PDB file of N, CA and C in Angstrom:
ATOM      1  N   MET A   1      68.123 123.135 117.463  1.00  0.00           N
ATOM      2  CA  MET A   1      67.075 124.134 117.434  1.00  0.00           C
ATOM      3  C   MET A   1      66.219 123.950 118.682  1.00  0.00           C
ATOM      4  N   ASN A   2      66.110 124.999 119.447  1.00  0.00           N
ATOM      5  CA  ASN A   2      65.380 124.952 120.712  1.00  0.00           C
ATOM      6  C   ASN A   2      65.873 123.767 121.543  1.00  0.00           C
ATOM      7  N   ASP A   3      65.051 122.775 121.780  1.00  0.00           N
ATOM      8  CA  ASP A   3      65.495 121.624 122.568  1.00  0.00           C
ATOM      9  C   ASP A   3      65.577 120.358 121.715  1.00  0.00           C
ATOM     10  N   THR A   4      65.588 120.520 120.384  1.00  0.00           N
ATOM     11  CA  THR A   4      65.633 119.382 119.478  1.00  0.00           C
ATOM     12  C   THR A   4      66.958 119.351 118.740  1.00  0.00           C
ATOM     13  N   VAL A   5      67.580 118.204 118.684  1.00  0.00           N
ATOM     14  CA  VAL A   5      68.852 118.050 117.992  1.00  0.00           C
ATOM     15  C   VAL A   5      68.575 117.732 116.526  1.00  0.00           C
ATOM     16  N   CYS A   6      69.191 118.487 115.622  1.00  0.00           N
ATOM     17  CA  CYS A   6      69.087 118.228 114.186  1.00  0.00           C
ATOM     18  C   CYS A   6      70.269 117.324 113.822  1.00  0.00           C
ATOM     19  N   TYR A   7      70.066 116.023 113.946  1.00  0.00           N
ATOM     20  CA  TYR A   7      71.143 115.060 113.765  1.00  0.00           C
ATOM     21  C   TYR A   7      71.751 115.090 112.368  1.00  0.00           C
ATOM     22  N   SER A   8      71.021 115.533 111.372  1.00  0.00           N
ATOM     23  CA  SER A   8      71.548 115.572 110.004  1.00  0.00           C
ATOM     24  C   SER A   8      72.672 116.594 109.856  1.00  0.00           C
ATOM     25  N   LYS A   9      72.780 117.547 110.771  1.00  0.00           N
ATOM     26  CA  LYS A   9      73.823 118.564 110.710  1.00  0.00           C
ATOM     27  C   LYS A   9      75.069 118.179 111.513  1.00  0.00           C
ATOM     28  N   LEU A  10      74.998 117.086 112.250  1.00  0.00           N
ATOM     29  CA  LEU A  10      76.126 116.654 113.067  1.00  0.00           C
ATOM     30  C   LEU A  10      77.058 115.767 112.255  1.00  0.00           C
ATOM     31  N   ILE A  11      78.345 115.879 112.506  1.00  0.00           N
ATOM     32  CA  ILE A  11      79.343 115.116 111.767  1.00  0.00           C
ATOM     33  C   ILE A  11      79.639 113.790 112.444  1.00  0.00           C
ATOM     34  N   GLU A  12      79.753 113.793 113.770  1.00  0.00           N
ATOM     35  CA  GLU A  12      80.004 112.568 114.533  1.00  0.00           C
ATOM     36  C   GLU A  12      79.108 112.548 115.754  1.00  0.00           C
ATOM     37  N   ILE A  13      78.662 111.375 116.121  1.00  0.00           N
ATOM     38  CA  ILE A  13      77.842 111.202 117.321  1.00  0.00           C
ATOM     39  C   ILE A  13      78.363 109.977 118.063  1.00  0.00           C
ATOM     40  N   LYS A  14      78.616 110.121 119.342  1.00  0.00           N
ATOM     41  CA  LYS A  14      79.017 108.999 120.184  1.00  0.00           C
ATOM     42  C   LYS A  14      78.145 108.999 121.419  1.00  0.00           C
ATOM     43  N   LYS A  15      77.479 107.895 121.655  1.00  0.00           N
ATOM     44  CA  LYS A  15      76.695 107.737 122.880  1.00  0.00           C
ATOM     45  C   LYS A  15      77.614 107.093 123.903  1.00  0.00           C
ATOM     46  N   LEU A  16      77.716 107.714 125.081  1.00  0.00           N
ATOM     47  CA  LEU A  16      78.617 107.213 126.111  1.00  0.00           C
ATOM     48  C   LEU A  16      77.993 106.083 126.907  1.00  0.00           C
ATOM     49  N   THR A  17      78.847 105.144 127.286  1.00  0.00           N
ATOM     50  CA  THR A  17      78.436 104.084 128.201  1.00  0.00           C
ATOM     51  C   THR A  17      78.429 104.660 129.614  1.00  0.00           C
ATOM     52  N   PHE A  18      77.853 103.936 130.556  1.00  0.00           N
ATOM     53  CA  PHE A  18      77.868 104.402 131.946  1.00  0.00           C
ATOM     54  C   PHE A  18      79.303 104.559 132.448  1.00  0.00           C
ATOM     55  N   SER A  19      80.179 103.658 132.057  1.00  0.00           N
ATOM     56  CA  SER A  19      81.585 103.729 132.456  1.00  0.00           C
ATOM     57  C   SER A  19      82.243 104.995 131.896  1.00  0.00           C
ATOM     58  N   GLN A  20      81.937 105.337 130.652  1.00  0.00           N
ATOM     59  CA  GLN A  20      82.504 106.542 130.049  1.00  0.00           C
ATOM     60  C   GLN A  20      81.956 107.797 130.717  1.00  0.00           C
ATOM     61  N   VAL A  21      80.694 107.789 131.087  1.00  0.00           N
ATOM     62  CA  VAL A  21      80.107 108.922 131.810  1.00  0.00           C
ATOM     63  C   VAL A  21      80.834 109.114 133.135  1.00  0.00           C
ATOM     64  N   ASP A  22      81.122 108.018 133.835  1.00  0.00           N
ATOM     65  CA  ASP A  22      81.875 108.096 135.098  1.00  0.00           C
ATOM     66  C   ASP A  22      83.262 108.690 134.877  1.00  0.00           C
ATOM     67  N   LYS A  23      83.951 108.242 133.836  1.00  0.00           N
ATOM     68  CA  LYS A  23      85.302 108.753 133.548  1.00  0.00           C
ATOM     69  C   LYS A  23      85.268 110.241 133.228  1.00  0.00           C
ATOM     70  N   LEU A  24      84.316 110.668 132.389  1.00  0.00           N
ATOM     71  CA  LEU A  24      84.209 112.077 132.031  1.00  0.00           C
ATOM     72  C   LEU A  24      83.819 112.922 133.244  1.00  0.00           C
ATOM     73  N   SER A  25      82.900 112.439 134.055  1.00  0.00           N
ATOM     74  CA  SER A  25      82.517 113.147 135.284  1.00  0.00           C
ATOM     75  C   SER A  25      83.700 113.286 136.230  1.00  0.00           C
ATOM     76  N   ASN A  26      84.529 112.257 136.307  1.00  0.00           N
ATOM     77  CA  ASN A  26      85.727 112.305 137.136  1.00  0.00           C
ATOM     78  C   ASN A  26      86.658 113.432 136.677  1.00  0.00           C
ATOM     79  N   ILE A  27      86.839 113.566 135.372  1.00  0.00           N
ATOM     80  CA  ILE A  27      87.681 114.651 134.840  1.00  0.00           C
ATOM     81  C   ILE A  27      87.080 115.999 135.201  1.00  0.00           C
ATOM     82  N   PHE A  28      85.769 116.160 134.991  1.00  0.00           N
ATOM     83  CA  PHE A  28      85.119 117.444 135.255  1.00  0.00           C
ATOM     84  C   PHE A  28      85.235 117.879 136.704  1.00  0.00           C
ATOM     85  N   TYR A  29      84.984 116.955 137.626  1.00  0.00           N
ATOM     86  CA  TYR A  29      84.806 117.358 139.014  1.00  0.00           C
ATOM     87  C   TYR A  29      85.931 116.982 139.969  1.00  0.00           C
ATOM     88  N   ASN A  30      86.916 116.230 139.516  1.00  0.00           N
ATOM     89  CA  ASN A  30      88.008 115.862 140.406  1.00  0.00           C
ATOM     90  C   ASN A  30      89.356 116.403 139.968  1.00  0.00           C
ATOM     91  N   TYR A  31      89.356 117.217 138.925  1.00  0.00           N
ATOM     92  CA  TYR A  31      90.576 117.887 138.491  1.00  0.00           C
ATOM     93  C   TYR A  31      90.278 119.368 138.445  1.00  0.00           C
ATOM     94  N   GLY A  32      91.246 120.174 138.876  1.00  0.00           N
ATOM     95  CA  GLY A  32      91.050 121.616 138.871  1.00  0.00           C
ATOM     96  C   GLY A  32      92.349 122.324 139.160  1.00  0.00           C
ATOM     97  N   TYR A  33      92.241 123.570 139.472  1.00  0.00           N
ATOM     98  CA  TYR A  33      93.406 124.363 139.793  1.00  0.00           C
ATOM     99  C   TYR A  33      92.996 125.434 140.777  1.00  0.00           C
ATOM    100  N   LYS A  34      93.979 125.998 141.454  1.00  0.00           N
ATOM    101  CA  LYS A  34      93.697 127.103 142.362  1.00  0.00           C
ATOM    102  C   LYS A  34      93.670 128.386 141.553  1.00  0.00           C
ATOM    103  N   LYS A  35      92.642 129.176 141.775  1.00  0.00           N
ATOM    104  CA  LYS A  35      92.526 130.431 141.045  1.00  0.00           C
ATOM    105  C   LYS A  35      93.564 131.429 141.545  1.00  0.00           C
ATOM    106  N   VAL A  36      94.102 132.196 140.601  1.00  0.00           N
ATOM    107  CA  VAL A  36      95.052 133.257 140.934  1.00  0.00           C
ATOM    108  C   VAL A  36      94.238 134.484 141.316  1.00  0.00           C
ATOM    109  N   SER A  37      94.632 135.164 142.382  1.00  0.00           N
ATOM    110  CA  SER A  37      93.934 136.368 142.806  1.00  0.00           C
ATOM    111  C   SER A  37      94.011 137.426 141.715  1.00  0.00           C
ATOM    112  N   ALA A  38      93.000 138.270 141.669  1.00  0.00           N
ATOM    113  CA  ALA A  38      92.954 139.328 140.655  1.00  0.00           C
ATOM    114  C   ALA A  38      94.222 140.163 140.712  1.00  0.00           C
ATOM    115  N   GLY A  39      94.793 140.436 139.542  1.00  0.00           N
ATOM    116  CA  GLY A  39      95.988 141.263 139.458  1.00  0.00           C
ATOM    117  C   GLY A  39      97.284 140.513 139.695  1.00  0.00           C
ATOM    118  N   LYS A  40      97.217 139.220 140.010  1.00  0.00           N
ATOM    119  CA  LYS A  40      98.433 138.466 140.310  1.00  0.00           C
ATOM    120  C   LYS A  40      98.809 137.491 139.215  1.00  0.00           C
ATOM    121  N   GLY A  41      98.102 137.516 138.105  1.00  0.00           N
ATOM    122  CA  GLY A  41      98.421 136.595 137.025  1.00  0.00           C
ATOM    123  C   GLY A  41      98.330 137.286 135.682  1.00  0.00           C
ATOM    124  N   ILE A  42      98.955 136.681 134.712  1.00  0.00           N
ATOM    125  CA  ILE A  42      98.902 137.204 133.357  1.00  0.00           C
ATOM    126  C   ILE A  42      98.166 136.174 132.519  1.00  0.00           C
ATOM    127  N   GLY A  43      97.256 136.631 131.714  1.00  0.00           N
ATOM    128  CA  GLY A  43      96.523 135.690 130.895  1.00  0.00           C
ATOM    129  C   GLY A  43      96.070 136.326 129.604  1.00  0.00           C
ATOM    130  N   ALA A  44      95.682 135.487 128.688  1.00  0.00           N
ATOM    131  CA  ALA A  44      95.173 135.956 127.409  1.00  0.00           C
ATOM    132  C   ALA A  44      94.017 135.058 127.018  1.00  0.00           C
ATOM    133  N   ILE A  45      93.124 135.588 126.242  1.00  0.00           N
ATOM    134  CA  ILE A  45      92.001 134.794 125.774  1.00  0.00           C
ATOM    135  C   ILE A  45      92.022 134.801 124.253  1.00  0.00           C
ATOM    136  N   SER A  46      91.859 133.648 123.684  1.00  0.00           N
ATOM    137  CA  SER A  46      91.834 133.514 122.237  1.00  0.00           C
ATOM    138  C   SER A  46      90.436 133.835 121.743  1.00  0.00           C
ATOM    139  N   LEU A  47      90.356 134.462 120.587  1.00  0.00           N
ATOM    140  CA  LEU A  47      89.067 134.859 120.055  1.00  0.00           C
ATOM    141  C   LEU A  47      88.526 133.914 118.997  1.00  0.00           C
ATOM    142  N   CYS A  48      89.155 132.764 118.795  1.00  0.00           N
ATOM    143  CA  CYS A  48      88.746 131.875 117.709  1.00  0.00           C
ATOM    144  C   CYS A  48      87.388 131.251 117.952  1.00  0.00           C
ATOM    145  N   TYR A  49      86.916 131.129 119.114  1.00  0.00           N
ATOM    146  CA  TYR A  49      85.782 130.306 119.532  1.00  0.00           C
ATOM    147  C   TYR A  49      84.903 129.842 118.369  1.00  0.00           C
ATOM    148  N   PHE A  50      85.174 128.634 117.914  1.00  0.00           N
ATOM    149  CA  PHE A  50      84.423 127.955 116.862  1.00  0.00           C
ATOM    150  C   PHE A  50      84.235 126.521 117.331  1.00  0.00           C
ATOM    151  N   PRO A  51      83.268 126.314 118.241  1.00  0.00           N
ATOM    152  CA  PRO A  51      83.123 124.996 118.852  1.00  0.00           C
ATOM    153  C   PRO A  51      82.744 123.918 117.839  1.00  0.00           C
ATOM    154  N   ARG A  52      83.528 122.876 117.812  1.00  0.00           N
ATOM    155  CA  ARG A  52      83.271 121.750 116.929  1.00  0.00           C
ATOM    156  C   ARG A  52      82.777 120.537 117.713  1.00  0.00           C
ATOM    157  N   ASN A  53      82.806 120.639 119.019  1.00  0.00           N
ATOM    158  CA  ASN A  53      82.420 119.520 119.867  1.00  0.00           C
ATOM    159  C   ASN A  53      81.432 120.004 120.919  1.00  0.00           C
ATOM    160  N   ALA A  54      80.640 119.059 121.401  1.00  0.00           N
ATOM    161  CA  ALA A  54      79.668 119.380 122.444  1.00  0.00           C
ATOM    162  C   ALA A  54      79.331 118.111 123.204  1.00  0.00           C
ATOM    163  N   ILE A  55      78.878 118.308 124.394  1.00  0.00           N
ATOM    164  CA  ILE A  55      78.332 117.229 125.204  1.00  0.00           C
ATOM    165  C   ILE A  55      76.862 117.586 125.387  1.00  0.00           C
ATOM    166  N   LEU A  56      75.997 116.699 124.911  1.00  0.00           N
ATOM    167  CA  LEU A  56      74.556 116.917 125.025  1.00  0.00           C
ATOM    168  C   LEU A  56      73.988 116.022 126.110  1.00  0.00           C
ATOM    169  N   PHE A  57      73.139 116.582 126.942  1.00  0.00           N
ATOM    170  CA  PHE A  57      72.464 115.828 127.992  1.00  0.00           C
ATOM    171  C   PHE A  57      71.017 115.649 127.539  1.00  0.00           C
ATOM    172  N   LEU A  58      70.621 114.387 127.316  1.00  0.00           N
ATOM    173  CA  LEU A  58      69.292 114.074 126.796  1.00  0.00           C
ATOM    174  C   LEU A  58      68.450 113.382 127.849  1.00  0.00           C
ATOM    175  N   ASP A  59      67.158 113.669 127.824  1.00  0.00           N
ATOM    176  CA  ASP A  59      66.260 112.934 128.717  1.00  0.00           C
ATOM    177  C   ASP A  59      65.838 111.630 128.032  1.00  0.00           C
ATOM    178  N   THR A  60      64.956 110.883 128.651  1.00  0.00           N
ATOM    179  CA  THR A  60      64.572 109.565 128.123  1.00  0.00           C
ATOM    180  C   THR A  60      63.815 109.648 126.797  1.00  0.00           C
ATOM    181  N   THR A  61      63.305 110.832 126.439  1.00  0.00           N
ATOM    182  CA  THR A  61      62.608 110.988 125.161  1.00  0.00           C
ATOM    183  C   THR A  61      63.530 111.507 124.066  1.00  0.00           C
ATOM    184  N   GLY A  62      64.810 111.738 124.403  1.00  0.00           N
ATOM    185  CA  GLY A  62      65.765 112.247 123.419  1.00  0.00           C
ATOM    186  C   GLY A  62      65.799 113.756 123.323  1.00  0.00           C
ATOM    187  N   THR A  63      65.140 114.437 124.245  1.00  0.00           N
ATOM    188  CA  THR A  63      65.122 115.900 124.265  1.00  0.00           C
ATOM    189  C   THR A  63      66.343 116.413 125.022  1.00  0.00           C
ATOM    190  N   VAL A  64      67.047 117.373 124.429  1.00  0.00           N
ATOM    191  CA  VAL A  64      68.209 117.975 125.085  1.00  0.00           C
ATOM    192  C   VAL A  64      67.721 118.867 126.220  1.00  0.00           C
ATOM    193  N   PHE A  65      68.291 118.658 127.416  1.00  0.00           N
ATOM    194  CA  PHE A  65      67.918 119.541 128.522  1.00  0.00           C
ATOM    195  C   PHE A  65      69.093 120.393 128.992  1.00  0.00           C
ATOM    196  N   GLU A  66      70.307 120.032 128.618  1.00  0.00           N
ATOM    197  CA  GLU A  66      71.502 120.836 128.897  1.00  0.00           C
ATOM    198  C   GLU A  66      72.549 120.492 127.850  1.00  0.00           C
ATOM    199  N   TYR A  67      73.540 121.387 127.676  1.00  0.00           N
ATOM    200  CA  TYR A  67      74.656 121.099 126.776  1.00  0.00           C
ATOM    201  C   TYR A  67      75.899 121.864 127.200  1.00  0.00           C
ATOM    202  N   ILE A  68      77.031 121.384 126.730  1.00  0.00           N
ATOM    203  CA  ILE A  68      78.310 122.079 126.896  1.00  0.00           C
ATOM    204  C   ILE A  68      78.960 122.101 125.519  1.00  0.00           C
ATOM    205  N   GLU A  69      79.223 123.295 124.973  1.00  0.00           N
ATOM    206  CA  GLU A  69      79.976 123.442 123.726  1.00  0.00           C
ATOM    207  C   GLU A  69      81.454 123.517 124.075  1.00  0.00           C
ATOM    208  N   ILE A  70      82.305 122.968 123.196  1.00  0.00           N
ATOM    209  CA  ILE A  70      83.743 122.968 123.459  1.00  0.00           C
ATOM    210  C   ILE A  70      84.502 123.336 122.198  1.00  0.00           C
ATOM    211  N   CYS A  71      85.423 124.290 122.316  1.00  0.00           N
ATOM    212  CA  CYS A  71      86.375 124.618 121.253  1.00  0.00           C
ATOM    213  C   CYS A  71      87.758 124.237 121.775  1.00  0.00           C
ATOM    214  N   PHE A  72      88.283 123.122 121.278  1.00  0.00           N
ATOM    215  CA  PHE A  72      89.591 122.662 121.742  1.00  0.00           C
ATOM    216  C   PHE A  72      90.739 123.502 121.189  1.00  0.00           C
ATOM    217  N   GLU A  73      90.495 124.312 120.153  1.00  0.00           N
ATOM    218  CA  GLU A  73      91.562 125.133 119.599  1.00  0.00           C
ATOM    219  C   GLU A  73      91.887 126.321 120.509  1.00  0.00           C
ATOM    220  N   CYS A  74      90.860 126.944 121.080  1.00  0.00           N
ATOM    221  CA  CYS A  74      91.121 128.076 121.976  1.00  0.00           C
ATOM    222  C   CYS A  74      90.854 127.727 123.443  1.00  0.00           C
ATOM    223  N   ASN A  75      90.455 126.462 123.697  1.00  0.00           N
ATOM    224  CA  ASN A  75      90.200 125.978 125.062  1.00  0.00           C
ATOM    225  C   ASN A  75      89.099 126.750 125.775  1.00  0.00           C
ATOM    226  N   ARG A  76      88.070 127.139 125.023  1.00  0.00           N
ATOM    227  CA  ARG A  76      86.928 127.814 125.634  1.00  0.00           C
ATOM    228  C   ARG A  76      85.695 126.932 125.543  1.00  0.00           C
ATOM    229  N   THR A  77      84.774 127.145 126.469  1.00  0.00           N
ATOM    230  CA  THR A  77      83.537 126.377 126.521  1.00  0.00           C
ATOM    231  C   THR A  77      82.360 127.310 126.749  1.00  0.00           C
ATOM    232  N   LYS A  78      81.178 126.791 126.460  1.00  0.00           N
ATOM    233  CA  LYS A  78      79.941 127.515 126.762  1.00  0.00           C
ATOM    234  C   LYS A  78      78.946 126.497 127.292  1.00  0.00           C
ATOM    235  N   GLU A  79      78.383 126.790 128.439  1.00  0.00           N
ATOM    236  CA  GLU A  79      77.405 125.912 129.057  1.00  0.00           C
ATOM    237  C   GLU A  79      76.012 126.491 128.840  1.00  0.00           C
ATOM    238  N   SER A  80      75.022 125.620 128.697  1.00  0.00           N
ATOM    239  CA  SER A  80      73.651 126.062 128.455  1.00  0.00           C
ATOM    240  C   SER A  80      73.047 126.783 129.656  1.00  0.00           C
ATOM    241  N   SER A  81      73.510 126.447 130.844  1.00  0.00           N
ATOM    242  CA  SER A  81      73.016 127.104 132.056  1.00  0.00           C
ATOM    243  C   SER A  81      74.000 126.850 133.193  1.00  0.00           C
ATOM    244  N   SER A  82      73.724 127.454 134.321  1.00  0.00           N
ATOM    245  CA  SER A  82      74.586 127.253 135.492  1.00  0.00           C
ATOM    246  C   SER A  82      74.376 125.880 136.123  1.00  0.00           C
ATOM    247  N   LYS A  83      73.390 125.116 135.644  1.00  0.00           N
ATOM    248  CA  LYS A  83      73.130 123.776 136.173  1.00  0.00           C
ATOM    249  C   LYS A  83      74.162 122.763 135.708  1.00  0.00           C
ATOM    250  N   VAL A  84      74.911 123.067 134.650  1.00  0.00           N
ATOM    251  CA  VAL A  84      75.904 122.152 134.108  1.00  0.00           C
ATOM    252  C   VAL A  84      77.236 122.898 134.015  1.00  0.00           C
ATOM    253  N   SER A  85      78.306 122.212 134.374  1.00  0.00           N
ATOM    254  CA  SER A  85      79.603 122.864 134.407  1.00  0.00           C
ATOM    255  C   SER A  85      80.718 121.850 134.214  1.00  0.00           C
ATOM    256  N   LEU A  86      81.823 122.317 133.689  1.00  0.00           N
ATOM    257  CA  LEU A  86      83.026 121.490 133.598  1.00  0.00           C
ATOM    258  C   LEU A  86      83.867 121.624 134.867  1.00  0.00           C
ATOM    259  N   GLY A  87      83.401 122.383 135.819  1.00  0.00           N
ATOM    260  CA  GLY A  87      84.175 122.620 137.036  1.00  0.00           C
ATOM    261  C   GLY A  87      85.221 123.683 136.761  1.00  0.00           C
ATOM    262  N   GLU A  88      86.211 123.774 137.626  1.00  0.00           N
ATOM    263  CA  GLU A  88      87.267 124.753 137.429  1.00  0.00           C
ATOM    264  C   GLU A  88      88.130 124.333 136.244  1.00  0.00           C
ATOM    265  N   MET A  89      88.326 125.250 135.308  1.00  0.00           N
ATOM    266  CA  MET A  89      89.045 124.913 134.083  1.00  0.00           C
ATOM    267  C   MET A  89      90.519 125.288 134.154  1.00  0.00           C
ATOM    268  N   CYS A  90      91.310 124.520 133.427  1.00  0.00           N
ATOM    269  CA  CYS A  90      92.716 124.799 133.208  1.00  0.00           C
ATOM    270  C   CYS A  90      93.110 124.054 131.935  1.00  0.00           C
ATOM    271  N   SER A  91      94.248 124.389 131.374  1.00  0.00           N
ATOM    272  CA  SER A  91      94.648 123.763 130.111  1.00  0.00           C
ATOM    273  C   SER A  91      94.859 122.258 130.269  1.00  0.00           C
ATOM    274  N   GLN A  92      95.308 121.820 131.431  1.00  0.00           N
ATOM    275  CA  GLN A  92      95.504 120.387 131.646  1.00  0.00           C
ATOM    276  C   GLN A  92      94.171 119.642 131.629  1.00  0.00           C
ATOM    277  N   LYS A  93      93.128 120.241 132.214  1.00  0.00           N
ATOM    278  CA  LYS A  93      91.812 119.600 132.207  1.00  0.00           C
ATOM    279  C   LYS A  93      91.290 119.521 130.781  1.00  0.00           C
ATOM    280  N   MET A  94      91.457 120.587 129.992  1.00  0.00           N
ATOM    281  CA  MET A  94      91.012 120.552 128.597  1.00  0.00           C
ATOM    282  C   MET A  94      91.731 119.451 127.834  1.00  0.00           C
ATOM    283  N   LYS A  95      93.011 119.232 128.123  1.00  0.00           N
ATOM    284  CA  LYS A  95      93.750 118.155 127.470  1.00  0.00           C
ATOM    285  C   LYS A  95      93.160 116.796 127.861  1.00  0.00           C
ATOM    286  N   LEU A  96      92.812 116.630 129.126  1.00  0.00           N
ATOM    287  CA  LEU A  96      92.185 115.378 129.574  1.00  0.00           C
ATOM    288  C   LEU A  96      90.850 115.138 128.866  1.00  0.00           C
ATOM    289  N   VAL A  97      90.040 116.193 128.723  1.00  0.00           N
ATOM    290  CA  VAL A  97      88.756 116.066 128.036  1.00  0.00           C
ATOM    291  C   VAL A  97      88.990 115.736 126.559  1.00  0.00           C
ATOM    292  N   LYS A  98      89.950 116.437 125.943  1.00  0.00           N
ATOM    293  CA  LYS A  98      90.274 116.173 124.533  1.00  0.00           C
ATOM    294  C   LYS A  98      90.765 114.739 124.348  1.00  0.00           C
ATOM    295  N   ASP A  99      91.634 114.282 125.234  1.00  0.00           N
ATOM    296  CA  ASP A  99      92.125 112.896 125.170  1.00  0.00           C
ATOM    297  C   ASP A  99      90.976 111.906 125.341  1.00  0.00           C
ATOM    298  N   PHE A 100      90.028 112.223 126.227  1.00  0.00           N
ATOM    299  CA  PHE A 100      88.850 111.367 126.422  1.00  0.00           C
ATOM    300  C   PHE A 100      88.056 111.259 125.124  1.00  0.00           C
ATOM    301  N   PHE A 101      87.832 112.397 124.469  1.00  0.00           N
ATOM    302  CA  PHE A 101      87.109 112.390 123.200  1.00  0.00           C
ATOM    303  C   PHE A 101      87.848 111.520 122.183  1.00  0.00           C
ATOM    304  N   LYS A 102      89.161 111.693 122.109  1.00  0.00           N
ATOM    305  CA  LYS A 102      89.973 110.955 121.138  1.00  0.00           C
ATOM    306  C   LYS A 102      89.900 109.450 121.391  1.00  0.00           C
ATOM    307  N   VAL A 103      90.067 109.029 122.640  1.00  0.00           N
ATOM    308  CA  VAL A 103      89.999 107.609 123.004  1.00  0.00           C
ATOM    309  C   VAL A 103      88.597 107.047 122.738  1.00  0.00           C
ATOM    310  N   SER A 104      87.581 107.902 122.835  1.00  0.00           N
ATOM    311  CA  SER A 104      86.202 107.477 122.579  1.00  0.00           C
ATOM    312  C   SER A 104      85.892 107.360 121.087  1.00  0.00           C
ATOM    313  N   GLY A 105      86.873 107.717 120.254  1.00  0.00           N
ATOM    314  CA  GLY A 105      86.707 107.557 118.814  1.00  0.00           C
ATOM    315  C   GLY A 105      86.259 108.800 118.073  1.00  0.00           C
ATOM    316  N   ILE A 106      86.246 109.934 118.727  1.00  0.00           N
ATOM    317  CA  ILE A 106      85.849 111.175 118.076  1.00  0.00           C
ATOM    318  C   ILE A 106      87.057 111.777 117.383  1.00  0.00           C
ATOM    319  N   GLU A 107      86.905 112.094 116.103  1.00  0.00           N
ATOM    320  CA  GLU A 107      87.997 112.684 115.323  1.00  0.00           C
ATOM    321  C   GLU A 107      87.751 114.150 115.003  1.00  0.00           C
ATOM    322  N   TYR A 108      86.496 114.499 114.645  1.00  0.00           N
ATOM    323  CA  TYR A 108      86.197 115.864 114.236  1.00  0.00           C
ATOM    324  C   TYR A 108      86.375 116.818 115.419  1.00  0.00           C
ATOM    325  N   GLY A 109      87.147 117.860 115.202  1.00  0.00           N
ATOM    326  CA  GLY A 109      87.447 118.817 116.255  1.00  0.00           C
ATOM    327  C   GLY A 109      88.615 118.385 117.118  1.00  0.00           C
ATOM    328  N   ILE A 110      89.081 117.166 116.906  1.00  0.00           N
ATOM    329  CA  ILE A 110      90.216 116.623 117.677  1.00  0.00           C
ATOM    330  C   ILE A 110      91.421 116.485 116.749  1.00  0.00           C
ATOM    331  N   THR A 111      91.273 115.703 115.688  1.00  0.00           N
ATOM    332  CA  THR A 111      92.350 115.522 114.713  1.00  0.00           C
ATOM    333  C   THR A 111      91.931 115.944 113.305  1.00  0.00           C
ATOM    334  N   LYS A 112      90.633 116.142 113.084  1.00  0.00           N
ATOM    335  CA  LYS A 112      90.094 116.553 111.776  1.00  0.00           C
ATOM    336  C   LYS A 112      89.200 117.763 111.941  1.00  0.00           C
ATOM    337  N   GLY A 113      89.069 118.530 110.845  1.00  0.00           N
ATOM    338  CA  GLY A 113      88.152 119.660 110.845  1.00  0.00           C
ATOM    339  C   GLY A 113      88.645 120.876 111.605  1.00  0.00           C
ATOM    340  N   LEU A 114      89.953 120.977 111.789  1.00  0.00           N
ATOM    341  CA  LEU A 114      90.522 122.097 112.518  1.00  0.00           C
ATOM    342  C   LEU A 114      90.825 123.246 111.563  1.00  0.00           C
ATOM    343  N   MET A 115      90.962 124.446 112.096  1.00  0.00           N
ATOM    344  CA  MET A 115      91.193 125.620 111.263  1.00  0.00           C
ATOM    345  C   MET A 115      92.420 125.482 110.372  1.00  0.00           C
ATOM    346  N   GLY A 116      93.500 124.985 110.876  1.00  0.00           N
ATOM    347  CA  GLY A 116      94.731 124.888 110.095  1.00  0.00           C
ATOM    348  C   GLY A 116      94.911 123.531 109.438  1.00  0.00           C
ATOM    349  N   GLY A 117      93.914 122.670 109.518  1.00  0.00           N
ATOM    350  CA  GLY A 117      94.083 121.308 109.000  1.00  0.00           C
ATOM    351  C   GLY A 117      93.024 120.925 107.996  1.00  0.00           C
ATOM    352  N   ASP A 118      92.591 119.648 108.079  1.00  0.00           N
ATOM    353  CA  ASP A 118      91.624 119.063 107.130  1.00  0.00           C
ATOM    354  C   ASP A 118      90.452 119.977 106.915  1.00  0.00           C
TER     355      ASP A 118
END
């Protein structure tokens, strides 16, 4: 709500170490793809967008100042502003982010709580 996190509504919470922040930043900004010129590619967008995961950026008082929502089922994201970005997206990058979440111990939205599953 606004800039306050209602922790009672969250299913899983993982605070990243500095090393994990470096690894996630590496995925965001050092992996990408070349964009296909308009009219030269075929694509589709899934309409499921039901984000079960997010990355919250908190200041020293615990106030959220930016966020990234992630739906791993349709591979779509939503950023709180243009100040935060996952960089250029592709399905391989989403897999790397999903694998990072999984290795970090996050299950909900990765292996549990999916539309066709648990």
